[in-house]
Amino acid sequence: AINNKAQVLKDLKKFDEALTFVNQQIDEKSSFVLQKTKVDVLLESIDLKQAYRLNEQLLKIYPEDINLLNYKGVIYERNSQYQYKKKYLELAYEAFNIARTKNPKFILAIGNQIVCLINNGQYDIAEIMINEGFSQDASDPFLLHHKSKIEMLKGNLSIALNFIDKALKKVSLAEFLLTKCDILIKLR
C-alpha cells in the first residue's frame, strides 16, 4: 500500500509530495522496496544526481538486483538528454546489458537498450533487438511502440500506425499518443 501510494503520487506528477511521503516511510521503516521506490520518484522528478547516489548505495548492498541495474541505465539515458549524449547512451546501454546478463529475458532492459539505440541513430540494430524482444513477448506495448517509431523513421507509416495502435490497446501513455499523432500528421 505504501509503494502504491508513492507510485500514484509520482504518476500524478506530485514529486515533492511523493518524496516527502517515501522519506517519512523510510524514516519509520527503512526497507529495500521503499529505497527503490525513492530512486524511481527521483528519476521521474529529474533529480538525476540524487537518484544516482542512492542507486549506487543500493547497488553496493544488492549488486545482483536487475531493477537497480536498470535504474542505473535509465539515469544515464536521461542524463544523455542534457549532456554528452553519445557517452551517456553508451553507459546506459552497458548498464542495461549487465541487467540482461543477469536475466536474459528482462524485457524492460531490452526495451531500454532499444531506446539507447534509437536515440543514437542505430535503427538497424534497434530493429534486430525489437524482433528479439518480440520472440519473448510479441504483445509488449513498449516493444510495439519502439517498432512503430522504427517503421515511421523508415517511412512505413501504415505499418507504424498498426504497431502504435496495438501498443495503445495495451497501455494508453502520453508518449504513445504523441507517436500516433506524429504518424497521423505524416500520413496527411
N, C-alpha and C. Protein backbone atom coordinates (compact mmCIF):
# COMPACT_ATOMS: atom_id res chain seq x y z
N ALA A 1 0.82 -1.19 0.00
CA ALA A 1 0.00 0.00 0.00
C ALA A 1 0.87 1.26 0.00
N ILE A 2 1.95 1.23 0.75
CA ILE A 2 2.85 2.39 0.81
C ILE A 2 3.46 2.64 -0.56
N ASN A 3 3.97 1.58 -1.17
CA ASN A 3 4.57 1.69 -2.50
C ASN A 3 3.54 2.18 -3.51
N ASN A 4 2.32 1.65 -3.42
CA ASN A 4 1.26 2.06 -4.34
C ASN A 4 0.95 3.55 -4.22
N LYS A 5 0.87 4.05 -2.98
CA LYS A 5 0.58 5.47 -2.79
C LYS A 5 1.69 6.32 -3.40
N ALA A 6 2.94 5.94 -3.19
CA ALA A 6 4.06 6.68 -3.76
C ALA A 6 4.01 6.67 -5.28
N GLN A 7 3.65 5.51 -5.85
CA GLN A 7 3.55 5.41 -7.32
C GLN A 7 2.43 6.29 -7.86
N VAL A 8 1.31 6.32 -7.17
CA VAL A 8 0.18 7.15 -7.60
C VAL A 8 0.57 8.62 -7.55
N LEU A 9 1.21 9.04 -6.48
CA LEU A 9 1.66 10.43 -6.37
C LEU A 9 2.65 10.76 -7.49
N LYS A 10 3.54 9.84 -7.77
CA LYS A 10 4.51 10.04 -8.85
C LYS A 10 3.79 10.17 -10.19
N ASP A 11 2.84 9.27 -10.44
CA ASP A 11 2.08 9.31 -11.69
C ASP A 11 1.28 10.60 -11.85
N LEU A 12 0.86 11.17 -10.72
CA LEU A 12 0.13 12.44 -10.73
C LEU A 12 1.08 13.64 -10.83
N LYS A 13 2.39 13.35 -10.95
CA LYS A 13 3.44 14.38 -11.05
C LYS A 13 3.55 15.21 -9.77
N LYS A 14 3.17 14.61 -8.65
CA LYS A 14 3.31 15.27 -7.34
C LYS A 14 4.59 14.73 -6.70
N PHE A 15 5.73 15.10 -7.31
CA PHE A 15 7.01 14.53 -6.92
C PHE A 15 7.43 14.91 -5.51
N ASP A 16 7.25 16.18 -5.15
CA ASP A 16 7.64 16.61 -3.81
C ASP A 16 6.84 15.87 -2.75
N GLU A 17 5.54 15.75 -2.99
CA GLU A 17 4.68 15.03 -2.06
C GLU A 17 5.07 13.55 -1.99
N ALA A 18 5.38 12.96 -3.14
CA ALA A 18 5.79 11.56 -3.18
C ALA A 18 7.09 11.36 -2.42
N LEU A 19 8.07 12.26 -2.62
CA LEU A 19 9.35 12.14 -1.91
C LEU A 19 9.18 12.33 -0.41
N THR A 20 8.37 13.30 -0.02
CA THR A 20 8.11 13.51 1.41
C THR A 20 7.50 12.26 2.02
N PHE A 21 6.51 11.71 1.34
CA PHE A 21 5.84 10.51 1.84
C PHE A 21 6.82 9.34 1.95
N VAL A 22 7.60 9.10 0.90
CA VAL A 22 8.56 7.98 0.91
C VAL A 22 9.60 8.19 2.00
N ASN A 23 10.11 9.42 2.12
CA ASN A 23 11.12 9.68 3.16
C ASN A 23 10.57 9.45 4.56
N GLN A 24 9.31 9.84 4.80
CA GLN A 24 8.69 9.59 6.10
C GLN A 24 8.60 8.09 6.36
N GLN A 25 8.22 7.34 5.34
CA GLN A 25 8.10 5.89 5.49
C GLN A 25 9.46 5.24 5.73
N ILE A 26 10.48 5.74 5.03
CA ILE A 26 11.83 5.21 5.21
C ILE A 26 12.33 5.51 6.63
N ASP A 27 12.02 6.71 7.12
CA ASP A 27 12.42 7.06 8.49
C ASP A 27 11.78 6.13 9.51
N GLU A 28 10.52 5.76 9.26
CA GLU A 28 9.81 4.87 10.19
C GLU A 28 10.23 3.42 10.02
N LYS A 29 10.43 3.02 8.77
CA LYS A 29 10.71 1.61 8.50
C LYS A 29 11.50 1.52 7.20
N SER A 30 12.81 1.61 7.32
CA SER A 30 13.64 1.56 6.12
C SER A 30 13.54 0.17 5.49
N SER A 31 13.30 0.16 4.20
CA SER A 31 13.25 -1.12 3.50
C SER A 31 13.80 -0.95 2.09
N PHE A 32 14.26 -2.02 1.54
CA PHE A 32 14.82 -2.03 0.20
C PHE A 32 13.78 -1.58 -0.82
N VAL A 33 12.55 -2.06 -0.70
CA VAL A 33 11.49 -1.70 -1.64
C VAL A 33 11.23 -0.19 -1.60
N LEU A 34 11.20 0.39 -0.41
CA LEU A 34 10.98 1.83 -0.29
C LEU A 34 12.14 2.62 -0.89
N GLN A 35 13.35 2.13 -0.69
CA GLN A 35 14.53 2.80 -1.26
C GLN A 35 14.46 2.78 -2.79
N LYS A 36 14.05 1.64 -3.36
CA LYS A 36 13.91 1.56 -4.83
C LYS A 36 12.80 2.48 -5.31
N THR A 37 11.73 2.57 -4.56
CA THR A 37 10.65 3.50 -4.92
C THR A 37 11.17 4.92 -4.93
N LYS A 38 12.01 5.25 -3.96
CA LYS A 38 12.58 6.60 -3.90
C LYS A 38 13.43 6.88 -5.13
N VAL A 39 14.23 5.91 -5.55
CA VAL A 39 15.03 6.07 -6.78
C VAL A 39 14.10 6.36 -7.96
N ASP A 40 13.02 5.61 -8.04
CA ASP A 40 12.06 5.78 -9.14
C ASP A 40 11.45 7.19 -9.13
N VAL A 41 11.06 7.68 -7.96
CA VAL A 41 10.48 9.02 -7.86
C VAL A 41 11.52 10.07 -8.23
N LEU A 42 12.75 9.89 -7.76
CA LEU A 42 13.81 10.84 -8.09
C LEU A 42 14.06 10.88 -9.60
N LEU A 43 14.01 9.71 -10.22
CA LEU A 43 14.18 9.65 -11.68
C LEU A 43 13.10 10.45 -12.39
N GLU A 44 11.88 10.26 -11.97
CA GLU A 44 10.76 10.94 -12.63
C GLU A 44 10.79 12.45 -12.38
N SER A 45 11.34 12.85 -11.25
CA SER A 45 11.42 14.28 -10.95
C SER A 45 12.68 14.90 -11.54
N ILE A 46 13.45 14.13 -12.27
CA ILE A 46 14.68 14.54 -12.93
C ILE A 46 15.75 15.01 -11.93
N ASP A 47 15.75 14.45 -10.75
CA ASP A 47 16.82 14.71 -9.80
C ASP A 47 17.84 13.58 -9.98
N LEU A 48 18.58 13.67 -11.09
CA LEU A 48 19.43 12.56 -11.50
C LEU A 48 20.62 12.35 -10.57
N LYS A 49 21.18 13.41 -10.02
CA LYS A 49 22.32 13.26 -9.11
C LYS A 49 21.92 12.48 -7.86
N GLN A 50 20.81 12.88 -7.27
CA GLN A 50 20.36 12.20 -6.05
C GLN A 50 19.93 10.77 -6.36
N ALA A 51 19.26 10.57 -7.50
CA ALA A 51 18.85 9.22 -7.91
C ALA A 51 20.09 8.34 -8.11
N TYR A 52 21.11 8.90 -8.74
CA TYR A 52 22.34 8.15 -8.99
C TYR A 52 23.02 7.76 -7.67
N ARG A 53 23.15 8.73 -6.76
CA ARG A 53 23.80 8.44 -5.47
C ARG A 53 23.09 7.34 -4.70
N LEU A 54 21.78 7.46 -4.59
CA LEU A 54 21.02 6.45 -3.85
C LEU A 54 21.09 5.10 -4.54
N ASN A 55 20.97 5.10 -5.86
CA ASN A 55 21.02 3.85 -6.61
C ASN A 55 22.38 3.16 -6.43
N GLU A 56 23.46 3.94 -6.48
CA GLU A 56 24.80 3.37 -6.28
C GLU A 56 24.95 2.78 -4.87
N GLN A 57 24.40 3.47 -3.86
CA GLN A 57 24.45 2.94 -2.49
C GLN A 57 23.72 1.59 -2.42
N LEU A 58 22.56 1.52 -3.06
CA LEU A 58 21.79 0.28 -3.04
C LEU A 58 22.48 -0.83 -3.83
N LEU A 59 23.14 -0.46 -4.94
CA LEU A 59 23.87 -1.46 -5.73
C LEU A 59 25.04 -2.07 -4.95
N LYS A 60 25.63 -1.30 -4.04
CA LYS A 60 26.71 -1.85 -3.20
C LYS A 60 26.17 -2.94 -2.29
N ILE A 61 24.93 -2.79 -1.86
CA ILE A 61 24.31 -3.78 -0.97
C ILE A 61 23.68 -4.92 -1.77
N TYR A 62 23.07 -4.57 -2.91
CA TYR A 62 22.35 -5.55 -3.75
C TYR A 62 22.89 -5.51 -5.18
N PRO A 63 24.13 -5.96 -5.41
CA PRO A 63 24.74 -5.83 -6.73
C PRO A 63 24.08 -6.67 -7.83
N GLU A 64 23.30 -7.64 -7.45
CA GLU A 64 22.66 -8.52 -8.43
C GLU A 64 21.25 -8.09 -8.80
N ASP A 65 20.75 -7.04 -8.19
CA ASP A 65 19.37 -6.63 -8.43
C ASP A 65 19.22 -6.01 -9.82
N ILE A 66 18.47 -6.69 -10.68
CA ILE A 66 18.35 -6.23 -12.07
C ILE A 66 17.58 -4.92 -12.19
N ASN A 67 16.68 -4.66 -11.26
CA ASN A 67 15.95 -3.39 -11.31
C ASN A 67 16.86 -2.21 -10.99
N LEU A 68 17.77 -2.39 -10.04
CA LEU A 68 18.73 -1.33 -9.73
C LEU A 68 19.69 -1.11 -10.89
N LEU A 69 20.12 -2.21 -11.52
CA LEU A 69 20.97 -2.08 -12.70
C LEU A 69 20.23 -1.36 -13.83
N ASN A 70 18.95 -1.66 -13.96
CA ASN A 70 18.12 -0.99 -14.96
C ASN A 70 17.99 0.50 -14.64
N TYR A 71 17.76 0.82 -13.35
CA TYR A 71 17.67 2.23 -12.94
C TYR A 71 18.96 2.98 -13.29
N LYS A 72 20.09 2.31 -13.08
CA LYS A 72 21.37 2.95 -13.40
C LYS A 72 21.40 3.32 -14.89
N GLY A 73 20.95 2.41 -15.73
CA GLY A 73 20.89 2.70 -17.16
C GLY A 73 19.94 3.83 -17.48
N VAL A 74 18.79 3.84 -16.80
CA VAL A 74 17.80 4.90 -17.03
C VAL A 74 18.38 6.25 -16.62
N ILE A 75 19.11 6.30 -15.53
CA ILE A 75 19.73 7.54 -15.09
C ILE A 75 20.70 8.04 -16.17
N TYR A 76 21.52 7.14 -16.68
CA TYR A 76 22.45 7.53 -17.75
C TYR A 76 21.70 7.99 -19.00
N GLU A 77 20.66 7.25 -19.37
CA GLU A 77 19.91 7.61 -20.59
C GLU A 77 19.28 8.99 -20.42
N ARG A 78 18.69 9.24 -19.28
CA ARG A 78 18.09 10.56 -19.04
C ARG A 78 19.16 11.66 -19.07
N ASN A 79 20.32 11.36 -18.50
CA ASN A 79 21.42 12.33 -18.49
C ASN A 79 21.89 12.63 -19.92
N SER A 80 21.79 11.66 -20.81
CA SER A 80 22.21 11.86 -22.20
C SER A 80 21.37 12.93 -22.90
N GLN A 81 20.21 13.20 -22.36
CA GLN A 81 19.34 14.22 -22.94
C GLN A 81 19.82 15.63 -22.60
N TYR A 82 20.74 15.74 -21.65
CA TYR A 82 21.20 17.05 -21.19
C TYR A 82 22.67 17.32 -21.48
N GLN A 83 23.47 16.25 -21.60
CA GLN A 83 24.91 16.44 -21.83
C GLN A 83 25.54 15.17 -22.36
N TYR A 84 26.60 15.34 -23.12
CA TYR A 84 27.42 14.23 -23.60
C TYR A 84 26.59 13.03 -24.07
N LYS A 85 25.73 13.28 -25.03
CA LYS A 85 24.75 12.30 -25.47
C LYS A 85 25.37 10.92 -25.75
N LYS A 86 26.37 10.88 -26.61
CA LYS A 86 26.96 9.59 -27.01
C LYS A 86 27.55 8.85 -25.80
N LYS A 87 28.28 9.57 -24.96
CA LYS A 87 28.92 8.96 -23.79
C LYS A 87 27.88 8.32 -22.86
N TYR A 88 26.83 9.09 -22.54
CA TYR A 88 25.84 8.58 -21.59
C TYR A 88 24.94 7.51 -22.19
N LEU A 89 24.70 7.58 -23.49
CA LEU A 89 23.93 6.49 -24.12
C LEU A 89 24.72 5.19 -24.09
N GLU A 90 26.03 5.27 -24.29
CA GLU A 90 26.86 4.07 -24.21
C GLU A 90 26.88 3.50 -22.79
N LEU A 91 27.00 4.38 -21.80
CA LEU A 91 26.97 3.93 -20.40
C LEU A 91 25.61 3.30 -20.07
N ALA A 92 24.54 3.92 -20.56
CA ALA A 92 23.20 3.38 -20.31
C ALA A 92 23.06 2.00 -20.95
N TYR A 93 23.47 1.90 -22.20
CA TYR A 93 23.37 0.63 -22.93
C TYR A 93 24.11 -0.47 -22.17
N GLU A 94 25.30 -0.15 -21.67
CA GLU A 94 26.09 -1.14 -20.94
C GLU A 94 25.41 -1.54 -19.62
N ALA A 95 24.82 -0.58 -18.91
CA ALA A 95 24.11 -0.90 -17.67
C ALA A 95 22.93 -1.83 -17.95
N PHE A 96 22.19 -1.55 -19.02
CA PHE A 96 21.08 -2.43 -19.40
C PHE A 96 21.60 -3.81 -19.80
N ASN A 97 22.75 -3.83 -20.44
CA ASN A 97 23.34 -5.10 -20.86
C ASN A 97 23.73 -5.95 -19.64
N ILE A 98 24.24 -5.30 -18.60
CA ILE A 98 24.58 -6.03 -17.37
C ILE A 98 23.31 -6.63 -16.75
N ALA A 99 22.23 -5.85 -16.74
CA ALA A 99 20.95 -6.37 -16.22
C ALA A 99 20.50 -7.57 -17.05
N ARG A 100 20.66 -7.48 -18.36
CA ARG A 100 20.26 -8.60 -19.23
C ARG A 100 21.15 -9.81 -19.04
N THR A 101 22.41 -9.58 -18.70
CA THR A 101 23.31 -10.71 -18.42
C THR A 101 22.82 -11.48 -17.21
N LYS A 102 22.32 -10.76 -16.24
CA LYS A 102 21.79 -11.40 -15.02
C LYS A 102 20.46 -12.10 -15.30
N ASN A 103 19.66 -11.51 -16.21
CA ASN A 103 18.38 -12.11 -16.59
C ASN A 103 18.13 -11.81 -18.08
N PRO A 104 18.50 -12.73 -18.97
CA PRO A 104 18.38 -12.50 -20.41
C PRO A 104 16.96 -12.21 -20.89
N LYS A 105 15.96 -12.56 -20.10
CA LYS A 105 14.58 -12.33 -20.51
C LYS A 105 13.97 -11.08 -19.88
N PHE A 106 14.81 -10.23 -19.33
CA PHE A 106 14.36 -8.99 -18.69
C PHE A 106 13.95 -8.01 -19.79
N ILE A 107 12.67 -8.05 -20.14
CA ILE A 107 12.15 -7.31 -21.29
C ILE A 107 12.31 -5.80 -21.12
N LEU A 108 12.26 -5.32 -19.89
CA LEU A 108 12.42 -3.88 -19.65
C LEU A 108 13.82 -3.42 -20.06
N ALA A 109 14.83 -4.20 -19.73
CA ALA A 109 16.21 -3.85 -20.12
C ALA A 109 16.37 -3.91 -21.64
N ILE A 110 15.73 -4.88 -22.27
CA ILE A 110 15.79 -4.96 -23.73
C ILE A 110 15.17 -3.70 -24.33
N GLY A 111 14.01 -3.33 -23.84
CA GLY A 111 13.34 -2.12 -24.34
C GLY A 111 14.18 -0.87 -24.12
N ASN A 112 14.83 -0.81 -22.98
CA ASN A 112 15.67 0.36 -22.69
C ASN A 112 16.92 0.39 -23.56
N GLN A 113 17.46 -0.77 -23.88
CA GLN A 113 18.58 -0.80 -24.82
C GLN A 113 18.13 -0.30 -26.19
N ILE A 114 16.93 -0.66 -26.57
CA ILE A 114 16.38 -0.20 -27.85
C ILE A 114 16.26 1.32 -27.87
N VAL A 115 15.82 1.91 -26.77
CA VAL A 115 15.74 3.37 -26.67
C VAL A 115 17.12 3.98 -26.91
N CYS A 116 18.14 3.41 -26.30
CA CYS A 116 19.51 3.92 -26.49
C CYS A 116 19.92 3.84 -27.95
N LEU A 117 19.62 2.73 -28.59
CA LEU A 117 19.99 2.55 -30.00
C LEU A 117 19.25 3.55 -30.89
N ILE A 118 17.96 3.72 -30.65
CA ILE A 118 17.18 4.68 -31.45
C ILE A 118 17.72 6.09 -31.24
N ASN A 119 17.96 6.46 -29.99
CA ASN A 119 18.47 7.81 -29.69
C ASN A 119 19.87 8.04 -30.25
N ASN A 120 20.59 6.96 -30.50
CA ASN A 120 21.94 7.05 -31.05
C ASN A 120 21.94 6.87 -32.57
N GLY A 121 20.73 6.74 -33.16
CA GLY A 121 20.62 6.61 -34.61
C GLY A 121 20.97 5.24 -35.16
N GLN A 122 21.01 4.23 -34.31
CA GLN A 122 21.36 2.87 -34.73
C GLN A 122 20.07 2.07 -34.96
N TYR A 123 19.33 2.47 -35.97
CA TYR A 123 17.99 1.92 -36.21
C TYR A 123 18.00 0.45 -36.61
N ASP A 124 18.98 0.04 -37.41
CA ASP A 124 19.02 -1.36 -37.86
C ASP A 124 19.24 -2.31 -36.68
N ILE A 125 20.16 -1.94 -35.79
CA ILE A 125 20.43 -2.77 -34.62
C ILE A 125 19.21 -2.74 -33.69
N ALA A 126 18.58 -1.57 -33.56
CA ALA A 126 17.38 -1.47 -32.73
C ALA A 126 16.30 -2.40 -33.24
N GLU A 127 16.13 -2.45 -34.55
CA GLU A 127 15.10 -3.32 -35.12
C GLU A 127 15.39 -4.79 -34.87
N ILE A 128 16.65 -5.17 -34.92
CA ILE A 128 17.03 -6.56 -34.61
C ILE A 128 16.67 -6.88 -33.16
N MET A 129 16.96 -5.94 -32.26
CA MET A 129 16.64 -6.16 -30.84
C MET A 129 15.14 -6.19 -30.60
N ILE A 130 14.40 -5.37 -31.34
CA ILE A 130 12.93 -5.40 -31.21
C ILE A 130 12.42 -6.79 -31.57
N ASN A 131 12.92 -7.32 -32.67
CA ASN A 131 12.49 -8.66 -33.09
C ASN A 131 12.90 -9.72 -32.07
N GLU A 132 14.06 -9.54 -31.46
CA GLU A 132 14.49 -10.43 -30.38
C GLU A 132 13.52 -10.34 -29.21
N GLY A 133 13.14 -9.12 -28.85
CA GLY A 133 12.17 -8.91 -27.78
C GLY A 133 10.82 -9.52 -28.10
N PHE A 134 10.40 -9.38 -29.37
CA PHE A 134 9.11 -9.96 -29.78
C PHE A 134 9.12 -11.48 -29.63
N SER A 135 10.29 -12.11 -29.76
CA SER A 135 10.34 -13.57 -29.58
C SER A 135 10.03 -13.95 -28.14
N GLN A 136 10.20 -13.01 -27.20
CA GLN A 136 9.86 -13.26 -25.80
C GLN A 136 8.45 -12.82 -25.47
N ASP A 137 8.04 -11.68 -26.05
CA ASP A 137 6.71 -11.14 -25.75
C ASP A 137 6.26 -10.24 -26.91
N ALA A 138 5.53 -10.83 -27.83
CA ALA A 138 5.12 -10.11 -29.04
C ALA A 138 4.06 -9.04 -28.77
N SER A 139 3.51 -9.01 -27.56
CA SER A 139 2.47 -8.03 -27.26
C SER A 139 2.93 -6.97 -26.26
N ASP A 140 4.24 -6.91 -25.98
CA ASP A 140 4.73 -5.91 -25.04
C ASP A 140 4.50 -4.52 -25.65
N PRO A 141 3.76 -3.65 -24.94
CA PRO A 141 3.41 -2.35 -25.52
C PRO A 141 4.62 -1.46 -25.82
N PHE A 142 5.66 -1.57 -25.03
CA PHE A 142 6.83 -0.73 -25.27
C PHE A 142 7.60 -1.20 -26.51
N LEU A 143 7.68 -2.51 -26.70
CA LEU A 143 8.30 -3.02 -27.92
C LEU A 143 7.48 -2.62 -29.15
N LEU A 144 6.16 -2.70 -29.01
CA LEU A 144 5.29 -2.28 -30.12
C LEU A 144 5.49 -0.80 -30.43
N HIS A 145 5.63 0.01 -29.39
CA HIS A 145 5.88 1.44 -29.57
C HIS A 145 7.21 1.67 -30.28
N HIS A 146 8.25 0.96 -29.84
CA HIS A 146 9.56 1.11 -30.48
C HIS A 146 9.50 0.69 -31.95
N LYS A 147 8.78 -0.38 -32.21
CA LYS A 147 8.64 -0.85 -33.60
C LYS A 147 7.92 0.21 -34.44
N SER A 148 6.91 0.85 -33.87
CA SER A 148 6.19 1.89 -34.63
C SER A 148 7.12 3.06 -34.94
N LYS A 149 7.98 3.41 -34.00
CA LYS A 149 8.93 4.51 -34.25
C LYS A 149 9.92 4.15 -35.35
N ILE A 150 10.41 2.93 -35.33
CA ILE A 150 11.34 2.48 -36.38
C ILE A 150 10.65 2.50 -37.75
N GLU A 151 9.44 1.95 -37.80
CA GLU A 151 8.70 1.93 -39.08
C GLU A 151 8.41 3.36 -39.56
N MET A 152 8.13 4.27 -38.63
CA MET A 152 7.89 5.66 -39.01
C MET A 152 9.17 6.26 -39.60
N LEU A 153 10.31 5.99 -38.97
CA LEU A 153 11.58 6.51 -39.47
C LEU A 153 11.92 5.95 -40.84
N LYS A 154 11.50 4.73 -41.10
CA LYS A 154 11.73 4.10 -42.40
C LYS A 154 10.73 4.57 -43.45
N GLY A 155 9.72 5.33 -43.03
CA GLY A 155 8.72 5.82 -43.97
C GLY A 155 7.55 4.88 -44.17
N ASN A 156 7.47 3.82 -43.40
CA ASN A 156 6.38 2.84 -43.49
C ASN A 156 5.27 3.27 -42.52
N LEU A 157 4.58 4.32 -42.88
CA LEU A 157 3.64 4.95 -41.95
C LEU A 157 2.42 4.08 -41.63
N SER A 158 1.90 3.36 -42.60
CA SER A 158 0.74 2.49 -42.33
C SER A 158 1.13 1.37 -41.37
N ILE A 159 2.31 0.82 -41.56
CA ILE A 159 2.79 -0.24 -40.66
C ILE A 159 3.03 0.35 -39.27
N ALA A 160 3.63 1.54 -39.24
CA ALA A 160 3.88 2.22 -37.96
C ALA A 160 2.58 2.46 -37.21
N LEU A 161 1.55 2.89 -37.93
CA LEU A 161 0.24 3.14 -37.32
C LEU A 161 -0.34 1.86 -36.74
N ASN A 162 -0.18 0.77 -37.45
CA ASN A 162 -0.67 -0.53 -36.97
C ASN A 162 0.00 -0.91 -35.65
N PHE A 163 1.32 -0.72 -35.57
CA PHE A 163 2.04 -1.08 -34.34
C PHE A 163 1.66 -0.17 -33.17
N ILE A 164 1.53 1.14 -33.44
CA ILE A 164 1.20 2.04 -32.33
C ILE A 164 -0.23 1.80 -31.85
N ASP A 165 -1.12 1.45 -32.75
CA ASP A 165 -2.49 1.12 -32.33
C ASP A 165 -2.51 -0.11 -31.42
N LYS A 166 -1.68 -1.11 -31.75
CA LYS A 166 -1.58 -2.30 -30.90
C LYS A 166 -1.04 -1.92 -29.52
N ALA A 167 -0.04 -1.04 -29.49
CA ALA A 167 0.54 -0.61 -28.21
C ALA A 167 -0.49 0.14 -27.38
N LEU A 168 -1.26 1.00 -28.04
CA LEU A 168 -2.25 1.80 -27.32
C LEU A 168 -3.41 0.96 -26.79
N LYS A 169 -3.67 -0.18 -27.41
CA LYS A 169 -4.70 -1.08 -26.89
C LYS A 169 -4.26 -1.70 -25.57
N LYS A 170 -2.94 -1.79 -25.37
CA LYS A 170 -2.40 -2.36 -24.14
C LYS A 170 -2.26 -1.30 -23.04
N VAL A 171 -1.71 -0.12 -23.42
CA VAL A 171 -1.43 0.94 -22.46
C VAL A 171 -1.62 2.27 -23.15
N SER A 172 -2.36 3.14 -22.52
CA SER A 172 -2.57 4.47 -23.09
C SER A 172 -1.64 5.46 -22.39
N LEU A 173 -0.46 5.66 -22.97
CA LEU A 173 0.52 6.59 -22.42
C LEU A 173 0.65 7.80 -23.32
N ALA A 174 0.95 8.94 -22.72
CA ALA A 174 1.08 10.18 -23.49
C ALA A 174 2.13 10.04 -24.60
N GLU A 175 3.24 9.39 -24.29
CA GLU A 175 4.30 9.21 -25.29
C GLU A 175 3.78 8.42 -26.49
N PHE A 176 2.98 7.40 -26.23
CA PHE A 176 2.42 6.59 -27.32
C PHE A 176 1.46 7.43 -28.15
N LEU A 177 0.64 8.23 -27.46
CA LEU A 177 -0.31 9.09 -28.18
C LEU A 177 0.42 10.11 -29.04
N LEU A 178 1.51 10.64 -28.55
CA LEU A 178 2.29 11.59 -29.35
C LEU A 178 2.89 10.92 -30.58
N THR A 179 3.35 9.71 -30.43
CA THR A 179 3.87 8.97 -31.58
C THR A 179 2.77 8.76 -32.60
N LYS A 180 1.58 8.40 -32.14
CA LYS A 180 0.46 8.22 -33.07
C LYS A 180 0.15 9.54 -33.78
N CYS A 181 0.16 10.63 -33.06
CA CYS A 181 -0.08 11.94 -33.69
C CYS A 181 0.96 12.23 -34.77
N ASP A 182 2.23 11.95 -34.47
CA ASP A 182 3.28 12.16 -35.45
C ASP A 182 3.03 11.35 -36.72
N ILE A 183 2.63 10.11 -36.52
CA ILE A 183 2.35 9.23 -37.67
C ILE A 183 1.19 9.79 -38.48
N LEU A 184 0.11 10.16 -37.79
CA LEU A 184 -1.07 10.66 -38.49
C LEU A 184 -0.78 11.95 -39.24
N ILE A 185 0.02 12.82 -38.67
CA ILE A 185 0.40 14.06 -39.35
C ILE A 185 1.19 13.74 -40.62
N LYS A 186 2.09 12.79 -40.52
CA LYS A 186 2.91 12.42 -41.69
C LYS A 186 2.09 11.71 -42.75
N LEU A 187 1.00 11.06 -42.34
CA LEU A 187 0.15 10.37 -43.30
C LEU A 187 -0.69 11.35 -44.14
N ARG A 188 -0.85 12.59 -43.70
CA ARG A 188 -1.66 13.59 -44.42
C ARG A 188 -1.07 13.97 -45.73
